[in-house]
Amino acid sequence: MEKKENLVFIGNPGVGKTHLVIALGIEACHQGYRTLFISCHELLLRLRSAFEKGTVDRILRRYARYDLLIIDEIGYLPIQKVEANLFFQLLTMRYEQKPTLITTNIILSR
């Protein structure tokens, strides 16, 4: 948390990636950090909805404020270009400011 580093958990389905990030999130909560766990699909739906309503800046700031953001299952479902751009904006806002944990079963080269 202090180093504000991001972590990506990559592995096959069923190896415990989600379990690990939940445990880290619970520990962060115990230490007083504001933490959010959200599936990538749910996050993208919320970002797209805010984009369509014209409130995307507000929602991006909201997610950027969490001390720890945990995004589960990136790459499980296809990501549209608009969603990818919004996701990139969020990660850019958090970069070197607040840590983000990500789980995926997609290898980094993909």
C-alpha atoms as a PDB file:
ATOM      1  CA  MET A   1       0.000   0.000   0.000  1.00  0.00           C
ATOM      2  CA  GLU A   2       2.727   2.441   0.948  1.00  0.00           C
ATOM      3  CA  LYS A   3       4.589   1.906  -2.346  1.00  0.00           C
ATOM      4  CA  LYS A   4       1.364   2.509  -4.323  1.00  0.00           C
ATOM      5  CA  GLU A   5       2.202  -0.395  -6.609  1.00  0.00           C
ATOM      6  CA  ASN A   6      -0.254  -2.285  -8.761  1.00  0.00           C
ATOM      7  CA  LEU A   7      -0.428  -6.084  -8.816  1.00  0.00           C
ATOM      8  CA  VAL A   8      -1.754  -8.369 -11.531  1.00  0.00           C
ATOM      9  CA  PHE A   9      -2.692 -11.934 -10.608  1.00  0.00           C
ATOM     10  CA  ILE A  10      -2.563 -14.153 -13.709  1.00  0.00           C
ATOM     11  CA  GLY A  11      -3.536 -17.802 -13.729  1.00  0.00           C
ATOM     12  CA  ASN A  12      -5.899 -20.465 -14.894  1.00  0.00           C
ATOM     13  CA  PRO A  13      -9.472 -20.505 -13.594  1.00  0.00           C
ATOM     14  CA  GLY A  14      -9.792 -22.050 -10.153  1.00  0.00           C
ATOM     15  CA  VAL A  15      -6.268 -21.446  -8.827  1.00  0.00           C
ATOM     16  CA  GLY A  16      -7.327 -18.887  -6.206  1.00  0.00           C
ATOM     17  CA  LYS A  17      -6.641 -15.465  -7.733  1.00  0.00           C
ATOM     18  CA  THR A  18      -9.936 -14.015  -6.550  1.00  0.00           C
ATOM     19  CA  HIS A  19      -9.511 -15.582  -3.121  1.00  0.00           C
ATOM     20  CA  LEU A  20      -6.077 -13.959  -2.766  1.00  0.00           C
ATOM     21  CA  VAL A  21      -7.218 -10.458  -3.744  1.00  0.00           C
ATOM     22  CA  ILE A  22     -10.248 -10.704  -1.465  1.00  0.00           C
ATOM     23  CA  ALA A  23      -7.935 -11.630   1.421  1.00  0.00           C
ATOM     24  CA  LEU A  24      -5.686  -8.668   0.609  1.00  0.00           C
ATOM     25  CA  GLY A  25      -8.738  -6.409   0.386  1.00  0.00           C
ATOM     26  CA  ILE A  26     -10.020  -7.567   3.768  1.00  0.00           C
ATOM     27  CA  GLU A  27      -6.615  -6.921   5.318  1.00  0.00           C
ATOM     28  CA  ALA A  28      -6.544  -3.446   3.747  1.00  0.00           C
ATOM     29  CA  CYS A  29      -9.971  -2.771   5.293  1.00  0.00           C
ATOM     30  CA  HIS A  30      -8.710  -3.939   8.691  1.00  0.00           C
ATOM     31  CA  GLN A  31      -5.873  -1.438   8.340  1.00  0.00           C
ATOM     32  CA  GLY A  32      -8.340   1.372   7.639  1.00  0.00           C
ATOM     33  CA  TYR A  33      -7.956   1.671   3.865  1.00  0.00           C
ATOM     34  CA  ARG A  34     -11.038   2.420   1.752  1.00  0.00           C
ATOM     35  CA  THR A  35     -11.269  -0.617  -0.499  1.00  0.00           C
ATOM     36  CA  LEU A  36     -13.522  -1.605  -3.373  1.00  0.00           C
ATOM     37  CA  PHE A  37     -13.803  -5.053  -4.947  1.00  0.00           C
ATOM     38  CA  ILE A  38     -15.606  -5.066  -8.299  1.00  0.00           C
ATOM     39  CA  SER A  39     -15.752  -7.364 -11.310  1.00  0.00           C
ATOM     40  CA  CYS A  40     -14.309  -5.916 -14.482  1.00  0.00           C
ATOM     41  CA  HIS A  41     -17.642  -6.435 -16.234  1.00  0.00           C
ATOM     42  CA  GLU A  42     -19.544  -4.469 -13.571  1.00  0.00           C
ATOM     43  CA  LEU A  43     -16.942  -1.684 -13.601  1.00  0.00           C
ATOM     44  CA  LEU A  44     -17.128  -1.378 -17.380  1.00  0.00           C
ATOM     45  CA  LEU A  45     -20.943  -1.295 -17.297  1.00  0.00           C
ATOM     46  CA  ARG A  46     -20.833   1.535 -14.760  1.00  0.00           C
ATOM     47  CA  LEU A  47     -18.196   3.471 -16.707  1.00  0.00           C
ATOM     48  CA  ARG A  48     -20.096   3.107 -19.983  1.00  0.00           C
ATOM     49  CA  SER A  49     -23.358   4.168 -18.333  1.00  0.00           C
ATOM     50  CA  ALA A  50     -21.675   7.257 -16.872  1.00  0.00           C
ATOM     51  CA  PHE A  51     -20.141   8.022 -20.266  1.00  0.00           C
ATOM     52  CA  GLU A  52     -23.555   7.842 -21.928  1.00  0.00           C
ATOM     53  CA  LYS A  53     -25.101  10.060 -19.210  1.00  0.00           C
ATOM     54  CA  GLY A  54     -22.266  12.598 -19.414  1.00  0.00           C
ATOM     55  CA  THR A  55     -21.115  11.950 -15.831  1.00  0.00           C
ATOM     56  CA  VAL A  56     -17.968   9.984 -16.617  1.00  0.00           C
ATOM     57  CA  ASP A  57     -15.582  12.483 -14.988  1.00  0.00           C
ATOM     58  CA  ARG A  58     -17.452  12.232 -11.711  1.00  0.00           C
ATOM     59  CA  ILE A  59     -17.493   8.426 -11.718  1.00  0.00           C
ATOM     60  CA  LEU A  60     -13.821   8.213 -12.692  1.00  0.00           C
ATOM     61  CA  ARG A  61     -12.918  10.470  -9.759  1.00  0.00           C
ATOM     62  CA  ARG A  62     -15.059   8.308  -7.483  1.00  0.00           C
ATOM     63  CA  TYR A  63     -13.174   5.123  -8.395  1.00  0.00           C
ATOM     64  CA  ALA A  64      -9.832   6.921  -8.337  1.00  0.00           C
ATOM     65  CA  ARG A  65     -10.390   7.960  -4.695  1.00  0.00           C
ATOM     66  CA  TYR A  66     -10.427   4.427  -3.257  1.00  0.00           C
ATOM     67  CA  ASP A  67      -7.246   3.622  -1.373  1.00  0.00           C
ATOM     68  CA  LEU A  68      -7.308   0.146  -2.924  1.00  0.00           C
ATOM     69  CA  LEU A  69      -9.253  -0.838  -6.022  1.00  0.00           C
ATOM     70  CA  ILE A  70      -9.584  -4.551  -6.790  1.00  0.00           C
ATOM     71  CA  ILE A  71     -10.773  -5.420 -10.301  1.00  0.00           C
ATOM     72  CA  ASP A  72     -11.640  -9.069 -10.800  1.00  0.00           C
ATOM     73  CA  GLU A  73     -11.672 -11.076 -14.038  1.00  0.00           C
ATOM     74  CA  ILE A  74     -10.279  -8.715 -16.645  1.00  0.00           C
ATOM     75  CA  GLY A  75     -10.584 -10.292 -20.055  1.00  0.00           C
ATOM     76  CA  TYR A  76     -13.314 -12.731 -19.059  1.00  0.00           C
ATOM     77  CA  LEU A  77     -15.728 -10.922 -21.386  1.00  0.00           C
ATOM     78  CA  PRO A  78     -14.895  -8.872 -24.496  1.00  0.00           C
ATOM     79  CA  ILE A  79     -14.128  -5.187 -23.925  1.00  0.00           C
ATOM     80  CA  GLN A  80     -15.354  -2.554 -26.378  1.00  0.00           C
ATOM     81  CA  LYS A  81     -13.075   0.297 -27.481  1.00  0.00           C
ATOM     82  CA  VAL A  82     -14.984   2.969 -25.509  1.00  0.00           C
ATOM     83  CA  GLU A  83     -14.827   0.807 -22.385  1.00  0.00           C
ATOM     84  CA  ALA A  84     -11.100   0.176 -22.875  1.00  0.00           C
ATOM     85  CA  ASN A  85     -10.487   3.924 -23.154  1.00  0.00           C
ATOM     86  CA  LEU A  86     -12.458   4.617 -19.967  1.00  0.00           C
ATOM     87  CA  PHE A  87     -10.652   1.815 -18.150  1.00  0.00           C
ATOM     88  CA  PHE A  88      -7.297   3.250 -19.272  1.00  0.00           C
ATOM     89  CA  GLN A  89      -8.322   6.698 -18.006  1.00  0.00           C
ATOM     90  CA  LEU A  90      -9.148   5.229 -14.603  1.00  0.00           C
ATOM     91  CA  LEU A  91      -5.847   3.371 -14.333  1.00  0.00           C
ATOM     92  CA  THR A  92      -3.994   6.501 -15.430  1.00  0.00           C
ATOM     93  CA  MET A  93      -5.678   8.520 -12.671  1.00  0.00           C
ATOM     94  CA  ARG A  94      -4.658   5.915 -10.079  1.00  0.00           C
ATOM     95  CA  TYR A  95      -1.134   5.292 -11.409  1.00  0.00           C
ATOM     96  CA  GLU A  96       1.512   5.977  -8.752  1.00  0.00           C
ATOM     97  CA  GLN A  97      -1.229   7.469  -6.551  1.00  0.00           C
ATOM     98  CA  LYS A  98      -3.164   4.447  -5.268  1.00  0.00           C
ATOM     99  CA  PRO A  99      -2.654   0.696  -5.741  1.00  0.00           C
ATOM    100  CA  THR A 100      -4.881  -1.415  -7.960  1.00  0.00           C
ATOM    101  CA  LEU A 101      -5.111  -5.221  -7.866  1.00  0.00           C
ATOM    102  CA  ILE A 102      -6.228  -7.051 -10.997  1.00  0.00           C
ATOM    103  CA  THR A 103      -7.055 -10.696 -11.659  1.00  0.00           C
ATOM    104  CA  THR A 104      -7.113 -12.307 -15.093  1.00  0.00           C
ATOM    105  CA  ASN A 105      -6.718 -15.644 -16.786  1.00  0.00           C
ATOM    106  CA  ILE A 106      -5.394 -13.955 -19.936  1.00  0.00           C
ATOM    107  CA  ILE A 107      -1.618 -13.986 -20.410  1.00  0.00           C
ATOM    108  CA  LEU A 108      -0.031 -10.527 -20.627  1.00  0.00           C
ATOM    109  CA  SER A 109       0.958 -10.879 -24.287  1.00  0.00           C
ATOM    110  CA  ARG A 110      -2.773 -11.058 -25.161  1.00  0.00           C
END
